[in-house]
Amino acid sequence: MSKTGTTRVRIEPGQAVPDGATDWERVRTMSDAEVTAAALSDPDAQPMTETELARMRRPTDIKALRARLGMTQEQFARTYRLPLGTVRDWEQGRTRPDAPALALLAVIEREPEAVRRALH
């Protein structure tokens, strides 16, 4: 969510209206056990199970992929027809690949030579 976005809260009948104030002093004095208990009490933010975590696909590490292929940023960008600045931004965490780029990166990860042949 962007920092300039709007957050909407639905108040159910009989529910107290949140005042939006955080008692930071109280937060700072909470023990680790209290913090954990407070986090677990939120039904909308339950931790993932080991099974759910195992099913998640890790995002492509572009820098590691490029290193496995033995390519510089310039070579990687040129070979796979990506803007050099985009590759740099991804690697430095300034931006993240969008869905089409993630699909391309997944194919490059599995079949780099096939992608290279298809693009040249």
PDB file of N, CA and C in Angstrom:
ATOM      1  N   MET A   1       0.851  -1.169   0.000  1.00  0.00           N
ATOM      2  CA  MET A   1       0.000   0.000   0.000  1.00  0.00           C
ATOM      3  C   MET A   1       0.890   1.223   0.000  1.00  0.00           C
ATOM      4  N   SER A   2       0.472   2.216  -0.725  1.00  0.00           N
ATOM      5  CA  SER A   2       1.272   3.435  -0.755  1.00  0.00           C
ATOM      6  C   SER A   2       1.059   4.221   0.533  1.00  0.00           C
ATOM      7  N   LYS A   3       2.036   5.046   0.849  1.00  0.00           N
ATOM      8  CA  LYS A   3       1.947   5.842   2.070  1.00  0.00           C
ATOM      9  C   LYS A   3       0.900   6.936   1.950  1.00  0.00           C
ATOM     10  N   THR A   4       0.463   7.219   0.735  1.00  0.00           N
ATOM     11  CA  THR A   4      -0.539   8.260   0.551  1.00  0.00           C
ATOM     12  C   THR A   4      -1.926   7.672   0.352  1.00  0.00           C
ATOM     13  N   GLY A   5      -2.054   6.341   0.478  1.00  0.00           N
ATOM     14  CA  GLY A   5      -3.342   5.687   0.273  1.00  0.00           C
ATOM     15  C   GLY A   5      -4.310   5.956   1.410  1.00  0.00           C
ATOM     16  N   THR A   6      -5.538   5.526   1.208  1.00  0.00           N
ATOM     17  CA  THR A   6      -6.582   5.697   2.205  1.00  0.00           C
ATOM     18  C   THR A   6      -6.896   4.349   2.822  1.00  0.00           C
ATOM     19  N   THR A   7      -6.984   4.304   4.120  1.00  0.00           N
ATOM     20  CA  THR A   7      -7.361   3.091   4.815  1.00  0.00           C
ATOM     21  C   THR A   7      -8.791   3.248   5.298  1.00  0.00           C
ATOM     22  N   ARG A   8      -9.621   2.284   4.942  1.00  0.00           N
ATOM     23  CA  ARG A   8     -11.009   2.329   5.375  1.00  0.00           C
ATOM     24  C   ARG A   8     -11.208   1.283   6.461  1.00  0.00           C
ATOM     25  N   VAL A   9     -11.926   1.653   7.494  1.00  0.00           N
ATOM     26  CA  VAL A   9     -12.210   0.753   8.604  1.00  0.00           C
ATOM     27  C   VAL A   9     -13.713   0.606   8.712  1.00  0.00           C
ATOM     28  N   ARG A  10     -14.201  -0.615   8.759  1.00  0.00           N
ATOM     29  CA  ARG A  10     -15.621  -0.862   8.918  1.00  0.00           C
ATOM     30  C   ARG A  10     -15.898  -1.105  10.403  1.00  0.00           C
ATOM     31  N   ILE A  11     -16.777  -0.327  10.949  1.00  0.00           N
ATOM     32  CA  ILE A  11     -17.136  -0.452  12.360  1.00  0.00           C
ATOM     33  C   ILE A  11     -18.458  -1.206  12.445  1.00  0.00           C
ATOM     34  N   GLU A  12     -18.416  -2.349  13.084  1.00  0.00           N
ATOM     35  CA  GLU A  12     -19.626  -3.158  13.263  1.00  0.00           C
ATOM     36  C   GLU A  12     -20.472  -2.546  14.380  1.00  0.00           C
ATOM     37  N   PRO A  13     -21.796  -2.764  14.336  1.00  0.00           N
ATOM     38  CA  PRO A  13     -22.663  -2.244  15.408  1.00  0.00           C
ATOM     39  C   PRO A  13     -22.168  -2.712  16.773  1.00  0.00           C
ATOM     40  N   GLY A  14     -22.094  -1.782  17.699  1.00  0.00           N
ATOM     41  CA  GLY A  14     -21.641  -2.096  19.058  1.00  0.00           C
ATOM     42  C   GLY A  14     -20.136  -2.104  19.231  1.00  0.00           C
ATOM     43  N   GLN A  15     -19.392  -1.969  18.137  1.00  0.00           N
ATOM     44  CA  GLN A  15     -17.928  -1.980  18.205  1.00  0.00           C
ATOM     45  C   GLN A  15     -17.424  -0.566  18.505  1.00  0.00           C
ATOM     46  N   ALA A  16     -16.404  -0.488  19.333  1.00  0.00           N
ATOM     47  CA  ALA A  16     -15.824   0.819  19.674  1.00  0.00           C
ATOM     48  C   ALA A  16     -15.081   1.386  18.464  1.00  0.00           C
ATOM     49  N   VAL A  17     -15.160   2.666  18.283  1.00  0.00           N
ATOM     50  CA  VAL A  17     -14.456   3.335  17.197  1.00  0.00           C
ATOM     51  C   VAL A  17     -12.987   3.496  17.589  1.00  0.00           C
ATOM     52  N   PRO A  18     -12.064   2.991  16.745  1.00  0.00           N
ATOM     53  CA  PRO A  18     -10.645   3.147  17.082  1.00  0.00           C
ATOM     54  C   PRO A  18     -10.250   4.619  17.055  1.00  0.00           C
ATOM     55  N   ASP A  19      -9.470   5.020  18.039  1.00  0.00           N
ATOM     56  CA  ASP A  19      -9.086   6.430  18.096  1.00  0.00           C
ATOM     57  C   ASP A  19      -7.799   6.713  17.332  1.00  0.00           C
ATOM     58  N   GLY A  20      -7.095   5.663  16.895  1.00  0.00           N
ATOM     59  CA  GLY A  20      -5.897   5.853  16.094  1.00  0.00           C
ATOM     60  C   GLY A  20      -4.665   6.242  16.894  1.00  0.00           C
ATOM     61  N   ALA A  21      -4.804   6.382  18.195  1.00  0.00           N
ATOM     62  CA  ALA A  21      -3.655   6.753  19.021  1.00  0.00           C
ATOM     63  C   ALA A  21      -2.976   5.487  19.532  1.00  0.00           C
ATOM     64  N   THR A  22      -1.672   5.459  19.447  1.00  0.00           N
ATOM     65  CA  THR A  22      -0.902   4.328  19.947  1.00  0.00           C
ATOM     66  C   THR A  22      -0.161   4.762  21.194  1.00  0.00           C
ATOM     67  N   ASP A  23      -0.288   3.956  22.232  1.00  0.00           N
ATOM     68  CA  ASP A  23       0.428   4.225  23.477  1.00  0.00           C
ATOM     69  C   ASP A  23       1.830   3.630  23.334  1.00  0.00           C
ATOM     70  N   TRP A  24       2.743   4.398  22.747  1.00  0.00           N
ATOM     71  CA  TRP A  24       4.081   3.891  22.457  1.00  0.00           C
ATOM     72  C   TRP A  24       4.844   3.543  23.725  1.00  0.00           C
ATOM     73  N   GLU A  25       4.602   4.240  24.779  1.00  0.00           N
ATOM     74  CA  GLU A  25       5.277   3.905  26.036  1.00  0.00           C
ATOM     75  C   GLU A  25       4.869   2.501  26.467  1.00  0.00           C
ATOM     76  N   ARG A  26       3.600   2.172  26.341  1.00  0.00           N
ATOM     77  CA  ARG A  26       3.107   0.828  26.678  1.00  0.00           C
ATOM     78  C   ARG A  26       3.737  -0.203  25.752  1.00  0.00           C
ATOM     79  N   VAL A  27       3.826   0.125  24.489  1.00  0.00           N
ATOM     80  CA  VAL A  27       4.423  -0.798  23.523  1.00  0.00           C
ATOM     81  C   VAL A  27       5.883  -1.070  23.887  1.00  0.00           C
ATOM     82  N   ARG A  28       6.634  -0.021  24.219  1.00  0.00           N
ATOM     83  CA  ARG A  28       8.051  -0.184  24.573  1.00  0.00           C
ATOM     84  C   ARG A  28       8.255  -1.022  25.826  1.00  0.00           C
ATOM     85  N   THR A  29       7.282  -1.016  26.739  1.00  0.00           N
ATOM     86  CA  THR A  29       7.454  -1.751  27.992  1.00  0.00           C
ATOM     87  C   THR A  29       6.921  -3.179  27.927  1.00  0.00           C
ATOM     88  N   MET A  30       6.341  -3.577  26.795  1.00  0.00           N
ATOM     89  CA  MET A  30       5.805  -4.938  26.664  1.00  0.00           C
ATOM     90  C   MET A  30       6.940  -5.952  26.583  1.00  0.00           C
ATOM     91  N   SER A  31       6.723  -7.080  27.226  1.00  0.00           N
ATOM     92  CA  SER A  31       7.695  -8.174  27.139  1.00  0.00           C
ATOM     93  C   SER A  31       7.519  -8.872  25.790  1.00  0.00           C
ATOM     94  N   ASP A  32       8.493  -9.697  25.418  1.00  0.00           N
ATOM     95  CA  ASP A  32       8.385 -10.450  24.172  1.00  0.00           C
ATOM     96  C   ASP A  32       7.143 -11.331  24.183  1.00  0.00           C
ATOM     97  N   ALA A  33       6.843 -11.941  25.321  1.00  0.00           N
ATOM     98  CA  ALA A  33       5.659 -12.803  25.433  1.00  0.00           C
ATOM     99  C   ALA A  33       4.379 -11.996  25.224  1.00  0.00           C
ATOM    100  N   GLU A  34       4.329 -10.784  25.762  1.00  0.00           N
ATOM    101  CA  GLU A  34       3.148  -9.931  25.587  1.00  0.00           C
ATOM    102  C   GLU A  34       2.996  -9.498  24.129  1.00  0.00           C
ATOM    103  N   VAL A  35       4.101  -9.185  23.488  1.00  0.00           N
ATOM    104  CA  VAL A  35       4.064  -8.800  22.083  1.00  0.00           C
ATOM    105  C   VAL A  35       3.547  -9.970  21.245  1.00  0.00           C
ATOM    106  N   THR A  36       4.062 -11.159  21.506  1.00  0.00           N
ATOM    107  CA  THR A  36       3.629 -12.353  20.772  1.00  0.00           C
ATOM    108  C   THR A  36       2.151 -12.612  20.997  1.00  0.00           C
ATOM    109  N   ALA A  37       1.705 -12.539  22.248  1.00  0.00           N
ATOM    110  CA  ALA A  37       0.291 -12.766  22.561  1.00  0.00           C
ATOM    111  C   ALA A  37      -0.597 -11.735  21.867  1.00  0.00           C
ATOM    112  N   ALA A  38      -0.175 -10.471  21.852  1.00  0.00           N
ATOM    113  CA  ALA A  38      -0.956  -9.425  21.194  1.00  0.00           C
ATOM    114  C   ALA A  38      -1.034  -9.687  19.693  1.00  0.00           C
ATOM    115  N   ALA A  39       0.073 -10.083  19.100  1.00  0.00           N
ATOM    116  CA  ALA A  39       0.079 -10.362  17.660  1.00  0.00           C
ATOM    117  C   ALA A  39      -0.822 -11.543  17.338  1.00  0.00           C
ATOM    118  N   LEU A  40      -0.755 -12.595  18.131  1.00  0.00           N
ATOM    119  CA  LEU A  40      -1.574 -13.787  17.884  1.00  0.00           C
ATOM    120  C   LEU A  40      -3.054 -13.538  18.124  1.00  0.00           C
ATOM    121  N   SER A  41      -3.384 -12.506  18.883  1.00  0.00           N
ATOM    122  CA  SER A  41      -4.794 -12.224  19.158  1.00  0.00           C
ATOM    123  C   SER A  41      -5.488 -11.542  17.981  1.00  0.00           C
ATOM    124  N   ASP A  42      -4.726 -11.108  16.983  1.00  0.00           N
ATOM    125  CA  ASP A  42      -5.308 -10.450  15.808  1.00  0.00           C
ATOM    126  C   ASP A  42      -5.735 -11.523  14.804  1.00  0.00           C
ATOM    127  N   PRO A  43      -7.046 -11.731  14.624  1.00  0.00           N
ATOM    128  CA  PRO A  43      -7.499 -12.792  13.718  1.00  0.00           C
ATOM    129  C   PRO A  43      -7.149 -12.528  12.256  1.00  0.00           C
ATOM    130  N   ASP A  44      -6.848 -11.285  11.908  1.00  0.00           N
ATOM    131  CA  ASP A  44      -6.515 -10.964  10.521  1.00  0.00           C
ATOM    132  C   ASP A  44      -5.030 -11.075  10.212  1.00  0.00           C
ATOM    133  N   ALA A  45      -4.227 -11.401  11.194  1.00  0.00           N
ATOM    134  CA  ALA A  45      -2.782 -11.441  10.969  1.00  0.00           C
ATOM    135  C   ALA A  45      -2.162 -12.666  11.631  1.00  0.00           C
ATOM    136  N   GLN A  46      -2.753 -13.818  11.362  1.00  0.00           N
ATOM    137  CA  GLN A  46      -2.224 -15.047  11.947  1.00  0.00           C
ATOM    138  C   GLN A  46      -0.982 -15.506  11.192  1.00  0.00           C
ATOM    139  N   PRO A  47      -0.029 -16.109  11.910  1.00  0.00           N
ATOM    140  CA  PRO A  47       1.191 -16.576  11.240  1.00  0.00           C
ATOM    141  C   PRO A  47       0.873 -17.736  10.304  1.00  0.00           C
ATOM    142  N   MET A  48       1.694 -17.873   9.294  1.00  0.00           N
ATOM    143  CA  MET A  48       1.514 -18.969   8.349  1.00  0.00           C
ATOM    144  C   MET A  48       2.005 -20.267   8.976  1.00  0.00           C
ATOM    145  N   THR A  49       1.396 -21.373   8.581  1.00  0.00           N
ATOM    146  CA  THR A  49       1.832 -22.683   9.053  1.00  0.00           C
ATOM    147  C   THR A  49       3.080 -23.094   8.283  1.00  0.00           C
ATOM    148  N   GLU A  50       3.768 -24.109   8.768  1.00  0.00           N
ATOM    149  CA  GLU A  50       4.961 -24.615   8.070  1.00  0.00           C
ATOM    150  C   GLU A  50       4.591 -25.086   6.669  1.00  0.00           C
ATOM    151  N   THR A  51       3.413 -25.708   6.525  1.00  0.00           N
ATOM    152  CA  THR A  51       2.961 -26.188   5.226  1.00  0.00           C
ATOM    153  C   THR A  51       2.729 -25.022   4.273  1.00  0.00           C
ATOM    154  N   GLU A  52       2.082 -23.954   4.764  1.00  0.00           N
ATOM    155  CA  GLU A  52       1.837 -22.778   3.929  1.00  0.00           C
ATOM    156  C   GLU A  52       3.152 -22.125   3.512  1.00  0.00           C
ATOM    157  N   LEU A  53       4.084 -22.038   4.449  1.00  0.00           N
ATOM    158  CA  LEU A  53       5.387 -21.455   4.122  1.00  0.00           C
ATOM    159  C   LEU A  53       6.122 -22.282   3.072  1.00  0.00           C
ATOM    160  N   ALA A  54       6.040 -23.614   3.201  1.00  0.00           N
ATOM    161  CA  ALA A  54       6.738 -24.493   2.268  1.00  0.00           C
ATOM    162  C   ALA A  54       6.168 -24.381   0.855  1.00  0.00           C
ATOM    163  N   ARG A  55       4.864 -24.091   0.735  1.00  0.00           N
ATOM    164  CA  ARG A  55       4.226 -23.976  -0.578  1.00  0.00           C
ATOM    165  C   ARG A  55       4.538 -22.667  -1.281  1.00  0.00           C
ATOM    166  N   MET A  56       4.992 -21.679  -0.530  1.00  0.00           N
ATOM    167  CA  MET A  56       5.268 -20.372  -1.132  1.00  0.00           C
ATOM    168  C   MET A  56       6.487 -20.444  -2.035  1.00  0.00           C
ATOM    169  N   ARG A  57       6.390 -19.775  -3.166  1.00  0.00           N
ATOM    170  CA  ARG A  57       7.530 -19.703  -4.069  1.00  0.00           C
ATOM    171  C   ARG A  57       8.332 -18.458  -3.719  1.00  0.00           C
ATOM    172  N   ARG A  58       9.610 -18.648  -3.533  1.00  0.00           N
ATOM    173  CA  ARG A  58      10.478 -17.522  -3.228  1.00  0.00           C
ATOM    174  C   ARG A  58      10.651 -16.660  -4.473  1.00  0.00           C
ATOM    175  N   PRO A  59      10.659 -15.353  -4.323  1.00  0.00           N
ATOM    176  CA  PRO A  59      10.874 -14.509  -5.501  1.00  0.00           C
ATOM    177  C   PRO A  59      12.262 -14.732  -6.080  1.00  0.00           C
ATOM    178  N   THR A  60      12.369 -14.556  -7.375  1.00  0.00           N
ATOM    179  CA  THR A  60      13.649 -14.744  -8.049  1.00  0.00           C
ATOM    180  C   THR A  60      14.662 -13.733  -7.529  1.00  0.00           C
ATOM    181  N   ASP A  61      15.830 -14.227  -7.161  1.00  0.00           N
ATOM    182  CA  ASP A  61      16.938 -13.363  -6.764  1.00  0.00           C
ATOM    183  C   ASP A  61      17.709 -13.063  -8.042  1.00  0.00           C
ATOM    184  N   ILE A  62      17.440 -11.903  -8.629  1.00  0.00           N
ATOM    185  CA  ILE A  62      18.001 -11.565  -9.932  1.00  0.00           C
ATOM    186  C   ILE A  62      19.518 -11.550  -9.911  1.00  0.00           C
ATOM    187  N   LYS A  63      20.085 -11.008  -8.855  1.00  0.00           N
ATOM    188  CA  LYS A  63      21.550 -10.942  -8.772  1.00  0.00           C
ATOM    189  C   LYS A  63      22.144 -12.348  -8.722  1.00  0.00           C
ATOM    190  N   ALA A  64      21.536 -13.246  -7.940  1.00  0.00           N
ATOM    191  CA  ALA A  64      22.031 -14.618  -7.853  1.00  0.00           C
ATOM    192  C   ALA A  64      21.843 -15.343  -9.186  1.00  0.00           C
ATOM    193  N   LEU A  65      20.713 -15.117  -9.841  1.00  0.00           N
ATOM    194  CA  LEU A  65      20.467 -15.725 -11.148  1.00  0.00           C
ATOM    195  C   LEU A  65      21.530 -15.272 -12.145  1.00  0.00           C
ATOM    196  N   ARG A  66      21.780 -13.988 -12.175  1.00  0.00           N
ATOM    197  CA  ARG A  66      22.776 -13.433 -13.088  1.00  0.00           C
ATOM    198  C   ARG A  66      24.162 -14.005 -12.785  1.00  0.00           C
ATOM    199  N   ALA A  67      24.479 -14.136 -11.497  1.00  0.00           N
ATOM    200  CA  ALA A  67      25.783 -14.695 -11.104  1.00  0.00           C
ATOM    201  C   ALA A  67      25.903 -16.159 -11.542  1.00  0.00           C
ATOM    202  N   ARG A  68      24.817 -16.937 -11.376  1.00  0.00           N
ATOM    203  CA  ARG A  68      24.846 -18.343 -11.815  1.00  0.00           C
ATOM    204  C   ARG A  68      25.095 -18.452 -13.313  1.00  0.00           C
ATOM    205  N   LEU A  69      24.578 -17.463 -14.049  1.00  0.00           N
ATOM    206  CA  LEU A  69      24.770 -17.460 -15.498  1.00  0.00           C
ATOM    207  C   LEU A  69      26.120 -16.875 -15.898  1.00  0.00           C
ATOM    208  N   GLY A  70      26.862 -16.343 -14.914  1.00  0.00           N
ATOM    209  CA  GLY A  70      28.191 -15.781 -15.176  1.00  0.00           C
ATOM    210  C   GLY A  70      28.142 -14.531 -16.034  1.00  0.00           C
ATOM    211  N   MET A  71      27.118 -13.696 -15.814  1.00  0.00           N
ATOM    212  CA  MET A  71      26.935 -12.518 -16.644  1.00  0.00           C
ATOM    213  C   MET A  71      27.034 -11.248 -15.811  1.00  0.00           C
ATOM    214  N   THR A  72      27.500 -10.182 -16.458  1.00  0.00           N
ATOM    215  CA  THR A  72      27.447  -8.862 -15.837  1.00  0.00           C
ATOM    216  C   THR A  72      26.018  -8.345 -15.975  1.00  0.00           C
ATOM    217  N   GLN A  73      25.718  -7.249 -15.282  1.00  0.00           N
ATOM    218  CA  GLN A  73      24.398  -6.646 -15.442  1.00  0.00           C
ATOM    219  C   GLN A  73      24.164  -6.265 -16.901  1.00  0.00           C
ATOM    220  N   GLU A  74      25.179  -5.699 -17.528  1.00  0.00           N
ATOM    221  CA  GLU A  74      25.049  -5.268 -18.920  1.00  0.00           C
ATOM    222  C   GLU A  74      24.777  -6.450 -19.845  1.00  0.00           C
ATOM    223  N   GLN A  75      25.516  -7.545 -19.642  1.00  0.00           N
ATOM    224  CA  GLN A  75      25.322  -8.735 -20.476  1.00  0.00           C
ATOM    225  C   GLN A  75      23.928  -9.332 -20.266  1.00  0.00           C
ATOM    226  N   PHE A  76      23.506  -9.411 -19.013  1.00  0.00           N
ATOM    227  CA  PHE A  76      22.192  -9.969 -18.691  1.00  0.00           C
ATOM    228  C   PHE A  76      21.099  -9.129 -19.347  1.00  0.00           C
ATOM    229  N   ALA A  77      21.190  -7.816 -19.183  1.00  0.00           N
ATOM    230  CA  ALA A  77      20.182  -6.916 -19.743  1.00  0.00           C
ATOM    231  C   ALA A  77      20.147  -7.040 -21.270  1.00  0.00           C
ATOM    232  N   ARG A  78      21.294  -7.026 -21.902  1.00  0.00           N
ATOM    233  CA  ARG A  78      21.351  -7.099 -23.364  1.00  0.00           C
ATOM    234  C   ARG A  78      20.834  -8.458 -23.861  1.00  0.00           C
ATOM    235  N   THR A  79      21.286  -9.535 -23.224  1.00  0.00           N
ATOM    236  CA  THR A  79      20.897 -10.873 -23.656  1.00  0.00           C
ATOM    237  C   THR A  79      19.397 -11.104 -23.567  1.00  0.00           C
ATOM    238  N   TYR A  80      18.784 -10.628 -22.483  1.00  0.00           N
ATOM    239  CA  TYR A  80      17.360 -10.905 -22.264  1.00  0.00           C
ATOM    240  C   TYR A  80      16.477  -9.691 -22.555  1.00  0.00           C
ATOM    241  N   ARG A  81      17.056  -8.716 -23.270  1.00  0.00           N
ATOM    242  CA  ARG A  81      16.330  -7.529 -23.741  1.00  0.00           C
ATOM    243  C   ARG A  81      15.606  -6.782 -22.622  1.00  0.00           C
ATOM    244  N   LEU A  82      16.352  -6.534 -21.571  1.00  0.00           N
ATOM    245  CA  LEU A  82      15.836  -5.776 -20.431  1.00  0.00           C
ATOM    246  C   LEU A  82      16.597  -4.466 -20.328  1.00  0.00           C
ATOM    247  N   PRO A  83      15.943  -3.392 -19.927  1.00  0.00           N
ATOM    248  CA  PRO A  83      16.685  -2.150 -19.733  1.00  0.00           C
ATOM    249  C   PRO A  83      17.715  -2.307 -18.604  1.00  0.00           C
ATOM    250  N   LEU A  84      18.912  -1.864 -18.852  1.00  0.00           N
ATOM    251  CA  LEU A  84      19.981  -1.974 -17.863  1.00  0.00           C
ATOM    252  C   LEU A  84      19.578  -1.322 -16.539  1.00  0.00           C
ATOM    253  N   GLY A  85      18.988  -0.154 -16.597  1.00  0.00           N
ATOM    254  CA  GLY A  85      18.558   0.535 -15.379  1.00  0.00           C
ATOM    255  C   GLY A  85      17.540  -0.271 -14.588  1.00  0.00           C
ATOM    256  N   THR A  86      16.688  -1.000 -15.287  1.00  0.00           N
ATOM    257  CA  THR A  86      15.685  -1.840 -14.620  1.00  0.00           C
ATOM    258  C   THR A  86      16.365  -2.970 -13.866  1.00  0.00           C
ATOM    259  N   VAL A  87      17.331  -3.623 -14.513  1.00  0.00           N
ATOM    260  CA  VAL A  87      18.072  -4.705 -13.857  1.00  0.00           C
ATOM    261  C   VAL A  87      18.776  -4.161 -12.614  1.00  0.00           C
ATOM    262  N   ARG A  88      19.400  -3.016 -12.731  1.00  0.00           N
ATOM    263  CA  ARG A  88      20.079  -2.408 -11.576  1.00  0.00           C
ATOM    264  C   ARG A  88      19.087  -2.094 -10.465  1.00  0.00           C
ATOM    265  N   ASP A  89      17.939  -1.529 -10.832  1.00  0.00           N
ATOM    266  CA  ASP A  89      16.919  -1.201  -9.824  1.00  0.00           C
ATOM    267  C   ASP A  89      16.426  -2.452  -9.111  1.00  0.00           C
ATOM    268  N   TRP A  90      16.206  -3.538  -9.849  1.00  0.00           N
ATOM    269  CA  TRP A  90      15.760  -4.789  -9.230  1.00  0.00           C
ATOM    270  C   TRP A  90      16.812  -5.291  -8.252  1.00  0.00           C
ATOM    271  N   GLU A  91      18.057  -5.322  -8.694  1.00  0.00           N
ATOM    272  CA  GLU A  91      19.121  -5.871  -7.856  1.00  0.00           C
ATOM    273  C   GLU A  91      19.359  -5.029  -6.609  1.00  0.00           C
ATOM    274  N   GLN A  92      19.175  -3.732  -6.715  1.00  0.00           N
ATOM    275  CA  GLN A  92      19.420  -2.852  -5.575  1.00  0.00           C
ATOM    276  C   GLN A  92      18.173  -2.635  -4.734  1.00  0.00           C
ATOM    277  N   GLY A  93      17.076  -3.301  -5.103  1.00  0.00           N
ATOM    278  CA  GLY A  93      15.858  -3.232  -4.312  1.00  0.00           C
ATOM    279  C   GLY A  93      15.070  -1.940  -4.439  1.00  0.00           C
ATOM    280  N   ARG A  94      15.405  -1.127  -5.431  1.00  0.00           N
ATOM    281  CA  ARG A  94      14.649   0.122  -5.613  1.00  0.00           C
ATOM    282  C   ARG A  94      13.269  -0.152  -6.191  1.00  0.00           C
ATOM    283  N   THR A  95      13.173  -1.163  -7.052  1.00  0.00           N
ATOM    284  CA  THR A  95      11.885  -1.582  -7.610  1.00  0.00           C
ATOM    285  C   THR A  95      11.858  -3.099  -7.627  1.00  0.00           C
ATOM    286  N   ARG A  96      10.658  -3.630  -7.830  1.00  0.00           N
ATOM    287  CA  ARG A  96      10.507  -5.075  -7.953  1.00  0.00           C
ATOM    288  C   ARG A  96       9.918  -5.399  -9.315  1.00  0.00           C
ATOM    289  N   PRO A  97      10.275  -6.541  -9.870  1.00  0.00           N
ATOM    290  CA  PRO A  97       9.727  -6.915 -11.179  1.00  0.00           C
ATOM    291  C   PRO A  97       8.202  -7.048 -11.110  1.00  0.00           C
ATOM    292  N   ASP A  98       7.517  -6.608 -12.187  1.00  0.00           N
ATOM    293  CA  ASP A  98       6.074  -6.796 -12.256  1.00  0.00           C
ATOM    294  C   ASP A  98       5.787  -8.237 -12.713  1.00  0.00           C
ATOM    295  N   ALA A  99       4.520  -8.586 -12.850  1.00  0.00           N
ATOM    296  CA  ALA A  99       4.140  -9.970 -13.160  1.00  0.00           C
ATOM    297  C   ALA A  99       4.753 -10.483 -14.470  1.00  0.00           C
ATOM    298  N   PRO A 100       4.705  -9.733 -15.578  1.00  0.00           N
ATOM    299  CA  PRO A 100       5.335 -10.247 -16.804  1.00  0.00           C
ATOM    300  C   PRO A 100       6.841 -10.440 -16.650  1.00  0.00           C
ATOM    301  N   ALA A 101       7.492  -9.521 -15.959  1.00  0.00           N
ATOM    302  CA  ALA A 101       8.938  -9.656 -15.754  1.00  0.00           C
ATOM    303  C   ALA A 101       9.240 -10.872 -14.884  1.00  0.00           C
ATOM    304  N   LEU A 102       8.418 -11.111 -13.862  1.00  0.00           N
ATOM    305  CA  LEU A 102       8.616 -12.294 -13.018  1.00  0.00           C
ATOM    306  C   LEU A 102       8.462 -13.575 -13.830  1.00  0.00           C
ATOM    307  N   ALA A 103       7.508 -13.575 -14.760  1.00  0.00           N
ATOM    308  CA  ALA A 103       7.328 -14.749 -15.618  1.00  0.00           C
ATOM    309  C   ALA A 103       8.565 -14.968 -16.484  1.00  0.00           C
ATOM    310  N   LEU A 104       9.068 -13.890 -17.082  1.00  0.00           N
ATOM    311  CA  LEU A 104      10.278 -13.994 -17.900  1.00  0.00           C
ATOM    312  C   LEU A 104      11.451 -14.495 -17.061  1.00  0.00           C
ATOM    313  N   LEU A 105      11.623 -13.929 -15.876  1.00  0.00           N
ATOM    314  CA  LEU A 105      12.732 -14.341 -15.010  1.00  0.00           C
ATOM    315  C   LEU A 105      12.611 -15.811 -14.602  1.00  0.00           C
ATOM    316  N   ALA A 106      11.385 -16.278 -14.369  1.00  0.00           N
ATOM    317  CA  ALA A 106      11.185 -17.690 -14.013  1.00  0.00           C
ATOM    318  C   ALA A 106      11.607 -18.599 -15.165  1.00  0.00           C
ATOM    319  N   VAL A 107      11.295 -18.202 -16.394  1.00  0.00           N
ATOM    320  CA  VAL A 107      11.688 -19.002 -17.558  1.00  0.00           C
ATOM    321  C   VAL A 107      13.202 -18.940 -17.744  1.00  0.00           C
ATOM    322  N   ILE A 108      13.775 -17.753 -17.575  1.00  0.00           N
ATOM    323  CA  ILE A 108      15.240 -17.625 -17.670  1.00  0.00           C
ATOM    324  C   ILE A 108      15.903 -18.523 -16.636  1.00  0.00           C
ATOM    325  N   GLU A 109      15.333 -18.565 -15.442  1.00  0.00           N
ATOM    326  CA  GLU A 109      15.906 -19.378 -14.366  1.00  0.00           C
ATOM    327  C   GLU A 109      15.922 -20.865 -14.741  1.00  0.00           C
ATOM    328  N   ARG A 110      14.885 -21.326 -15.430  1.00  0.00           N
ATOM    329  CA  ARG A 110      14.772 -22.749 -15.769  1.00  0.00           C
ATOM    330  C   ARG A 110      15.435 -23.095 -17.104  1.00  0.00           C
ATOM    331  N   GLU A 111      15.299 -22.207 -18.075  1.00  0.00           N
ATOM    332  CA  GLU A 111      15.789 -22.489 -19.430  1.00  0.00           C
ATOM    333  C   GLU A 111      16.484 -21.276 -20.037  1.00  0.00           C
ATOM    334  N   PRO A 112      17.619 -20.855 -19.472  1.00  0.00           N
ATOM    335  CA  PRO A 112      18.254 -19.623 -19.951  1.00  0.00           C
ATOM    336  C   PRO A 112      18.663 -19.680 -21.423  1.00  0.00           C
ATOM    337  N   GLU A 113      19.132 -20.833 -21.876  1.00  0.00           N
ATOM    338  CA  GLU A 113      19.572 -20.929 -23.276  1.00  0.00           C
ATOM    339  C   GLU A 113      18.391 -20.871 -24.231  1.00  0.00           C
ATOM    340  N   ALA A 114      17.269 -21.462 -23.855  1.00  0.00           N
ATOM    341  CA  ALA A 114      16.073 -21.420 -24.705  1.00  0.00           C
ATOM    342  C   ALA A 114      15.582 -19.984 -24.858  1.00  0.00           C
ATOM    343  N   VAL A 115      15.597 -19.220 -23.753  1.00  0.00           N
ATOM    344  CA  VAL A 115      15.168 -17.820 -23.822  1.00  0.00           C
ATOM    345  C   VAL A 115      16.141 -17.033 -24.692  1.00  0.00           C
ATOM    346  N   ARG A 116      17.424 -17.286 -24.507  1.00  0.00           N
ATOM    347  CA  ARG A 116      18.438 -16.581 -25.311  1.00  0.00           C
ATOM    348  C   ARG A 116      18.228 -16.852 -26.801  1.00  0.00           C
ATOM    349  N   ARG A 117      18.000 -18.135 -27.138  1.00  0.00           N
ATOM    350  CA  ARG A 117      17.770 -18.492 -28.553  1.00  0.00           C
ATOM    351  C   ARG A 117      16.494 -17.837 -29.081  1.00  0.00           C
ATOM    352  N   ALA A 118      15.448 -17.846 -28.278  1.00  0.00           N
ATOM    353  CA  ALA A 118      14.160 -17.284 -28.713  1.00  0.00           C
ATOM    354  C   ALA A 118      14.250 -15.786 -28.954  1.00  0.00           C
ATOM    355  N   LEU A 119      15.094 -15.098 -28.199  1.00  0.00           N
ATOM    356  CA  LEU A 119      15.198 -13.642 -28.331  1.00  0.00           C
ATOM    357  C   LEU A 119      16.199 -13.178 -29.367  1.00  0.00           C
ATOM    358  N   HIS A 120      17.008 -14.103 -29.899  1.00  0.00           N
ATOM    359  CA  HIS A 120      18.032 -13.683 -30.867  1.00  0.00           C
ATOM    360  C   HIS A 120      17.913 -14.408 -32.170  1.00  0.00           C
TER     361      HIS A 120
END
